[in-house]
Amino acid sequence: MNKIYPEKLKIDDEVRIIAPSRSMKILSEEIKNIANQRFFDLGLKFSFGKHVYETDEFNSTTIESRIEDLHNAFADRNVKGIITVIGGFNSNQLLKYIDWDLIKNNPKIFVGFSDITALNNAIFTKTGLVTYSGPHYSMFGQKLYFDYTLDYFQKCLMTDSPFEVKPSSSWSDDEWYLDQNKRELISNQGCLVINEGESEGTILGANLCTFNLLQGTEYFPDLRDSILFLEDDYETAPHTFDRDLQSLIHLPDFNKVRGLVIGRFQKKSNVTDNLLIKIIKTKKELDNIPVIANVDFGHSDPKITFPIGGEVKIVVKKNNAMAKIFRH
């Protein structure tokens, strides 16, 4: 596959906010005001898709409306980046209706996480365009403790330089959107080393249960020479993460995967370090590849931005791990 790396964002560039999953209507005015100011502070112009406020019983809207906003964002030559409003449950409904040639011929930054994992990996698979797992527009509405997330957004999307992923000093798993001034920070103990080793490869994955929705379809990426970045939210549990991971391992080309990087689990998942180690160690297919966990991405905060289709090197040693994203 010929990869396409989109141009980086720069001062005065326009980003388009679209809602391929849940609607912007669920966001408070406070969140929107803070997010808008953050884009101003970055020197970025921003605009919104025509249908971002439409909503239905699923807090989403029609396939036709979401496709129109997606296509318009890629077709508009003034738009240099596309950022999703928030995650949800149904962005995979769009895949059959996407004009892949339109995207391939108008490459630009596309960023989101969680349910947007389906679009991130499908776009890369169908067009070769490198996309980005990173904060939604809604995340920019965090009043406090957003510096780490913002720093990695800029490192990945506003510069060409390789960057090393370093642990945050603290993290949170609170419902920050309910009370912006009441935040509960937890000291970060750093990455969890499970299997030592060193490897390079193409980053694929992100939200595991959403990534698995693509299995057996034309939208699932080639796993050869990949480093899988995987995470899941509070709705998972040790047994569901175990079987979802096992589902990937059963794929014919999983033996070509070169490494595994696992994002931090939310507390409600009850996936503890000891249980995670046990899950990984019971899978012999993982014995000979480096595996690290508790990395700053997923559904806790803060989070890095990383390229789906980009290149990474991981070096995992006892009590120490390094991931360097060198092409993004």
Protein backbone atom coordinates (compact mmCIF):
# COMPACT_ATOMS: atom_id res chain seq x y z
CA MET A 1 0.00 0.00 0.00
CA ASN A 2 1.16 3.51 -0.80
CA LYS A 3 0.65 5.54 2.34
CA ILE A 4 -0.53 9.13 2.18
CA TYR A 5 0.61 11.42 4.99
CA PRO A 6 -1.57 14.55 5.14
CA GLU A 7 -0.06 18.01 5.50
CA LYS A 8 0.35 19.21 9.06
CA LEU A 9 -1.85 21.92 10.52
CA LYS A 10 -0.41 25.42 10.72
CA ILE A 11 -1.49 28.83 11.94
CA ASP A 12 -4.64 30.13 10.21
CA ASP A 13 -5.62 26.71 8.87
CA GLU A 14 -9.30 25.79 9.04
CA VAL A 15 -10.49 22.65 10.78
CA ARG A 16 -14.00 21.27 10.27
CA ILE A 17 -15.92 19.76 13.18
CA ILE A 18 -18.24 16.90 12.14
CA ALA A 19 -20.38 14.37 14.01
CA PRO A 20 -20.10 10.94 12.35
CA SER A 21 -21.23 9.32 15.60
CA ARG A 22 -23.09 11.14 18.37
CA SER A 23 -24.45 14.65 17.93
CA MET A 24 -22.99 17.93 19.16
CA LYS A 25 -26.34 18.62 20.82
CA ILE A 26 -25.26 16.62 23.88
CA LEU A 27 -22.44 19.08 24.65
CA SER A 28 -22.95 21.89 27.15
CA GLU A 29 -22.40 25.54 26.26
CA GLU A 30 -19.48 25.63 28.71
CA ILE A 31 -17.70 22.78 26.93
CA LYS A 32 -18.23 24.35 23.51
CA ASN A 33 -17.02 27.77 24.66
CA ILE A 34 -13.83 26.35 26.18
CA ALA A 35 -13.18 24.19 23.11
CA ASN A 36 -13.66 27.12 20.75
CA GLN A 37 -11.24 29.24 22.73
CA ARG A 38 -8.63 26.48 22.61
CA PHE A 39 -8.78 26.43 18.82
CA PHE A 40 -8.45 30.22 18.79
CA ASP A 41 -5.39 29.92 21.05
CA LEU A 42 -3.84 27.39 18.66
CA GLY A 43 -4.26 29.90 15.85
CA LEU A 44 -6.71 27.63 14.02
CA LYS A 45 -9.91 28.65 12.34
CA PHE A 46 -12.82 26.28 12.77
CA SER A 47 -16.18 25.57 11.18
CA PHE A 48 -18.95 23.06 11.75
CA GLY A 49 -20.66 20.52 9.56
CA LYS A 50 -24.19 21.40 8.49
CA HIS A 51 -25.75 18.52 10.44
CA VAL A 52 -23.72 18.42 13.69
CA TYR A 53 -26.72 19.42 15.86
CA GLU A 54 -29.20 16.97 14.39
CA THR A 55 -30.18 14.24 16.81
CA ASP A 56 -32.39 11.18 17.15
CA GLU A 57 -33.18 8.57 19.80
CA PHE A 58 -29.57 7.34 19.54
CA ASN A 59 -28.11 10.85 20.04
CA SER A 60 -26.98 10.64 16.41
CA THR A 61 -28.61 11.40 13.07
CA THR A 62 -29.22 9.84 9.67
CA ILE A 63 -26.55 8.15 7.61
CA GLU A 64 -27.27 10.62 4.80
CA SER A 65 -26.63 13.66 7.02
CA ARG A 66 -23.42 12.27 8.48
CA ILE A 67 -22.09 11.23 5.07
CA GLU A 68 -22.87 14.67 3.64
CA ASP A 69 -20.85 16.38 6.37
CA LEU A 70 -17.97 13.93 5.97
CA HIS A 71 -17.83 14.34 2.20
CA ASN A 72 -18.18 18.12 2.36
CA ALA A 73 -15.31 18.35 4.83
CA PHE A 74 -12.97 16.37 2.58
CA ALA A 75 -14.12 18.18 -0.57
CA ASP A 76 -13.70 21.70 0.84
CA ARG A 77 -10.22 22.90 -0.18
CA ASN A 78 -10.21 25.47 2.62
CA VAL A 79 -10.45 22.73 5.23
CA LYS A 80 -7.07 21.30 6.28
CA GLY A 81 -8.18 19.08 9.15
CA ILE A 82 -11.31 17.27 10.30
CA ILE A 83 -12.07 16.65 13.98
CA THR A 84 -14.97 14.58 15.27
CA VAL A 85 -17.37 15.96 17.87
CA ILE A 86 -17.42 12.92 20.14
CA GLY A 87 -17.60 9.14 19.99
CA GLY A 88 -20.63 6.89 20.25
CA PHE A 89 -21.71 3.61 18.72
CA ASN A 90 -22.55 3.81 15.04
CA SER A 91 -19.89 5.34 12.81
CA ASN A 92 -19.46 1.94 11.12
CA GLN A 93 -22.91 2.50 9.56
CA LEU A 94 -21.25 4.98 7.20
CA LEU A 95 -18.62 2.74 5.61
CA LYS A 96 -20.69 1.41 2.71
CA TYR A 97 -21.63 4.94 1.64
CA ILE A 98 -18.25 6.70 1.75
CA ASP A 99 -16.71 7.98 -1.48
CA TRP A 100 -13.21 6.60 -0.99
CA ASP A 101 -11.84 8.27 -4.12
CA LEU A 102 -12.97 11.65 -2.78
CA ILE A 103 -10.95 11.07 0.38
CA LYS A 104 -7.92 9.70 -1.45
CA ASN A 105 -7.86 12.66 -3.82
CA ASN A 106 -8.31 15.22 -1.03
CA PRO A 107 -6.06 13.96 1.77
CA LYS A 108 -6.19 15.86 5.03
CA ILE A 109 -5.93 15.27 8.76
CA PHE A 110 -8.80 13.26 10.24
CA VAL A 111 -8.80 12.80 14.02
CA GLY A 112 -11.00 11.17 16.65
CA PHE A 113 -11.04 8.13 18.93
CA SER A 114 -13.35 5.56 20.52
CA ASP A 115 -16.16 4.78 18.02
CA ILE A 116 -14.23 6.77 15.39
CA THR A 117 -11.74 3.87 15.37
CA ALA A 118 -13.94 2.28 12.67
CA LEU A 119 -13.46 5.28 10.38
CA ASN A 120 -9.78 5.73 11.22
CA ASN A 121 -8.84 2.20 10.19
CA ALA A 122 -11.27 1.94 7.28
CA ILE A 123 -9.99 5.18 5.73
CA PHE A 124 -6.41 3.97 6.03
CA THR A 125 -7.30 0.55 4.59
CA LYS A 126 -9.32 1.84 1.63
CA THR A 127 -7.21 4.88 0.68
CA GLY A 128 -3.79 4.67 2.32
CA LEU A 129 -4.47 7.97 4.11
CA VAL A 130 -2.88 8.05 7.56
CA THR A 131 -5.50 9.12 10.11
CA TYR A 132 -5.19 9.98 13.80
CA SER A 133 -6.47 8.62 17.07
CA GLY A 134 -6.72 11.65 19.28
CA PRO A 135 -9.02 13.98 21.20
CA HIS A 136 -12.48 14.84 19.97
CA TYR A 137 -13.70 18.42 19.76
CA SER A 138 -15.53 17.73 23.04
CA MET A 139 -12.25 16.92 24.80
CA PHE A 140 -10.96 20.41 23.99
CA GLY A 141 -13.71 21.60 26.32
CA GLN A 142 -11.85 20.35 29.40
CA LYS A 143 -11.24 23.35 31.61
CA LEU A 144 -8.44 21.81 33.68
CA TYR A 145 -5.52 19.42 33.16
CA PHE A 146 -5.60 19.44 29.37
CA ASP A 147 -1.94 20.42 28.85
CA TYR A 148 -0.56 16.91 28.21
CA THR A 149 -3.33 16.07 25.72
CA LEU A 150 -2.84 19.38 23.93
CA ASP A 151 0.94 18.95 23.83
CA TYR A 152 0.70 15.58 22.03
CA PHE A 153 -2.00 16.89 19.70
CA GLN A 154 0.46 19.57 18.61
CA LYS A 155 3.43 17.19 18.43
CA CYS A 156 1.55 14.78 16.17
CA LEU A 157 -0.57 17.13 14.04
CA MET A 158 1.35 20.41 13.91
CA THR A 159 4.98 19.26 13.52
CA ASP A 160 6.82 16.69 11.40
CA SER A 161 9.39 15.81 14.04
CA PRO A 162 9.52 12.33 15.59
CA PHE A 163 8.35 12.30 19.18
CA GLU A 164 8.73 10.02 22.17
CA VAL A 165 5.70 9.05 24.21
CA LYS A 166 6.44 9.84 27.85
CA PRO A 167 4.06 9.06 30.74
CA SER A 168 1.93 11.84 32.13
CA SER A 169 2.57 12.84 35.75
CA SER A 170 -1.04 12.11 36.71
CA TRP A 171 -4.27 10.86 35.16
CA SER A 172 -7.99 10.97 35.81
CA ASP A 173 -11.04 8.83 35.23
CA ASP A 174 -13.65 11.28 36.49
CA GLU A 175 -16.81 12.56 34.82
CA TRP A 176 -15.21 15.95 34.22
CA TYR A 177 -18.09 17.19 32.05
CA LEU A 178 -20.45 17.13 35.06
CA ASP A 179 -18.33 19.45 37.22
CA GLN A 180 -15.33 21.08 35.54
CA ASN A 181 -13.93 22.34 38.86
CA LYS A 182 -14.07 19.01 40.68
CA ARG A 183 -11.35 16.80 39.27
CA GLU A 184 -9.77 13.72 40.83
CA LEU A 185 -6.14 13.19 39.82
CA ILE A 186 -4.27 9.91 40.28
CA SER A 187 -0.49 9.69 40.36
CA ASN A 188 0.83 7.95 37.25
CA GLN A 189 3.13 5.02 37.98
CA GLY A 190 4.22 4.82 34.33
CA CYS A 191 3.96 2.03 31.80
CA LEU A 192 3.40 -1.60 32.76
CA VAL A 193 6.01 -3.85 31.16
CA ILE A 194 4.54 -7.26 30.33
CA ASN A 195 6.81 -8.69 27.61
CA GLU A 196 10.26 -7.31 26.91
CA GLY A 197 11.54 -6.76 23.39
CA GLU A 198 12.17 -4.24 20.64
CA SER A 199 10.24 -3.74 17.43
CA GLU A 200 9.17 -1.32 14.69
CA GLY A 201 6.00 -1.30 12.66
CA THR A 202 2.85 0.38 11.41
CA ILE A 203 0.38 1.53 14.06
CA LEU A 204 -3.11 0.03 13.75
CA GLY A 205 -6.10 -0.33 16.05
CA ALA A 206 -7.20 1.89 18.96
CA ASN A 207 -10.60 1.04 20.54
CA LEU A 208 -10.58 -2.76 20.53
CA CYS A 209 -14.29 -3.57 20.42
CA THR A 210 -14.79 -1.05 17.59
CA PHE A 211 -11.70 -2.29 15.72
CA ASN A 212 -13.13 -5.81 15.86
CA LEU A 213 -16.33 -4.63 14.12
CA LEU A 214 -14.23 -4.44 10.95
CA GLN A 215 -13.10 -8.08 11.03
CA GLY A 216 -14.09 -10.04 7.94
CA THR A 217 -14.87 -6.90 5.94
CA GLU A 218 -13.05 -5.00 3.21
CA TYR A 219 -12.38 -2.26 5.76
CA PHE A 220 -10.11 -4.26 8.08
CA PRO A 221 -6.42 -3.39 7.69
CA ASP A 222 -3.54 -5.72 6.84
CA LEU A 223 -1.95 -6.73 10.15
CA ARG A 224 1.43 -7.59 8.66
CA ASP A 225 4.34 -5.68 10.23
CA SER A 226 2.02 -3.81 12.59
CA ILE A 227 2.23 -2.58 16.14
CA LEU A 228 -1.27 -2.76 17.61
CA PHE A 229 -2.37 0.09 19.88
CA LEU A 230 -5.45 -1.21 21.75
CA GLU A 231 -7.72 0.16 24.46
CA ASP A 232 -11.28 -0.15 25.71
CA ASP A 233 -13.68 1.79 27.92
CA TYR A 234 -15.59 1.18 31.15
CA GLU A 235 -18.08 -1.13 29.41
CA THR A 236 -15.39 -3.76 29.00
CA ALA A 237 -14.34 -6.22 31.72
CA PRO A 238 -11.45 -8.66 32.10
CA HIS A 239 -13.37 -11.46 30.36
CA THR A 240 -14.58 -9.27 27.47
CA PHE A 241 -11.12 -7.80 26.87
CA ASP A 242 -9.74 -11.35 26.94
CA ARG A 243 -12.11 -12.67 24.30
CA ASP A 244 -11.92 -9.54 22.13
CA LEU A 245 -8.14 -9.82 22.09
CA GLN A 246 -8.39 -13.54 21.39
CA SER A 247 -10.59 -12.74 18.39
CA LEU A 248 -7.73 -10.71 16.89
CA ILE A 249 -5.22 -13.43 17.66
CA HIS A 250 -7.27 -15.96 15.67
CA LEU A 251 -6.87 -13.92 12.48
CA PRO A 252 -4.68 -15.62 9.84
CA ASP A 253 -2.00 -12.90 9.72
CA PHE A 254 -1.82 -12.12 13.43
CA ASN A 255 1.52 -13.92 13.53
CA LYS A 256 2.90 -11.00 11.53
CA VAL A 257 2.05 -8.50 14.32
CA ARG A 258 5.26 -7.11 15.82
CA GLY A 259 4.13 -5.62 19.12
CA LEU A 260 1.27 -4.64 21.38
CA VAL A 261 0.72 -1.33 23.18
CA ILE A 262 -2.28 -1.21 25.52
CA GLY A 263 -3.94 2.01 26.67
CA ARG A 264 -4.97 2.62 30.25
CA PHE A 265 -8.21 0.97 31.34
CA GLN A 266 -10.94 2.85 33.14
CA LYS A 267 -11.45 1.90 36.77
CA LYS A 268 -14.99 0.58 36.20
CA SER A 269 -13.61 -2.06 33.84
CA ASN A 270 -11.95 -3.84 36.79
CA VAL A 271 -9.01 -4.72 34.55
CA THR A 272 -6.19 -4.65 37.10
CA ASP A 273 -2.49 -4.95 36.30
CA ASN A 274 -2.40 -8.49 37.64
CA LEU A 275 -5.40 -9.60 35.60
CA LEU A 276 -4.02 -7.96 32.47
CA ILE A 277 -0.68 -9.70 32.90
CA LYS A 278 -2.50 -13.01 33.36
CA ILE A 279 -4.55 -12.44 30.18
CA ILE A 280 -1.44 -11.67 28.13
CA LYS A 281 0.63 -14.50 29.57
CA THR A 282 -2.03 -17.12 28.77
CA LYS A 283 -1.75 -16.31 25.05
CA LYS A 284 1.30 -18.06 23.64
CA GLU A 285 0.97 -16.10 20.38
CA LEU A 286 2.12 -13.02 22.33
CA ASP A 287 5.18 -14.63 23.93
CA ASN A 288 7.67 -13.40 21.36
CA ILE A 289 6.52 -9.81 20.87
CA PRO A 290 6.98 -6.80 23.17
CA VAL A 291 3.88 -5.85 25.17
CA ILE A 292 3.41 -2.74 27.30
CA ALA A 293 0.28 -1.38 29.00
CA ASN A 294 -1.07 1.62 30.94
CA VAL A 295 -0.03 3.98 28.16
CA ASP A 296 -1.73 7.38 28.03
CA PHE A 297 -4.48 6.77 25.49
CA GLY A 298 -8.02 5.46 25.65
CA HIS A 299 -10.96 6.63 27.72
CA SER A 300 -9.11 8.06 30.70
CA ASP A 301 -7.31 11.42 30.59
CA PRO A 302 -4.90 12.72 29.47
CA LYS A 303 -4.24 11.07 26.12
CA ILE A 304 -1.72 11.14 23.31
CA THR A 305 -2.52 11.59 19.63
CA PHE A 306 -1.04 8.90 17.40
CA PRO A 307 -1.20 8.05 13.68
CA ILE A 308 -3.21 5.08 12.38
CA GLY A 309 -0.88 3.98 9.60
CA GLY A 310 2.12 5.87 10.97
CA GLU A 311 5.37 4.27 12.09
CA VAL A 312 6.55 3.59 15.63
CA LYS A 313 9.50 1.98 17.39
CA ILE A 314 8.98 0.42 20.80
CA VAL A 315 11.74 -0.65 23.16
CA VAL A 316 10.50 -2.57 26.18
CA LYS A 317 12.91 -3.48 28.96
CA LYS A 318 12.38 -4.56 32.54
CA ASN A 319 10.81 -1.66 34.48
CA ASN A 320 11.21 0.62 31.48
CA ALA A 321 9.51 1.15 28.11
CA MET A 322 9.88 3.61 25.28
CA ALA A 323 7.67 4.28 22.26
CA LYS A 324 8.92 6.67 19.62
CA ILE A 325 6.60 7.67 16.81
CA PHE A 326 8.95 8.53 13.97
CA ARG A 327 6.64 8.98 10.98
CA HIS A 328 3.26 10.58 11.41
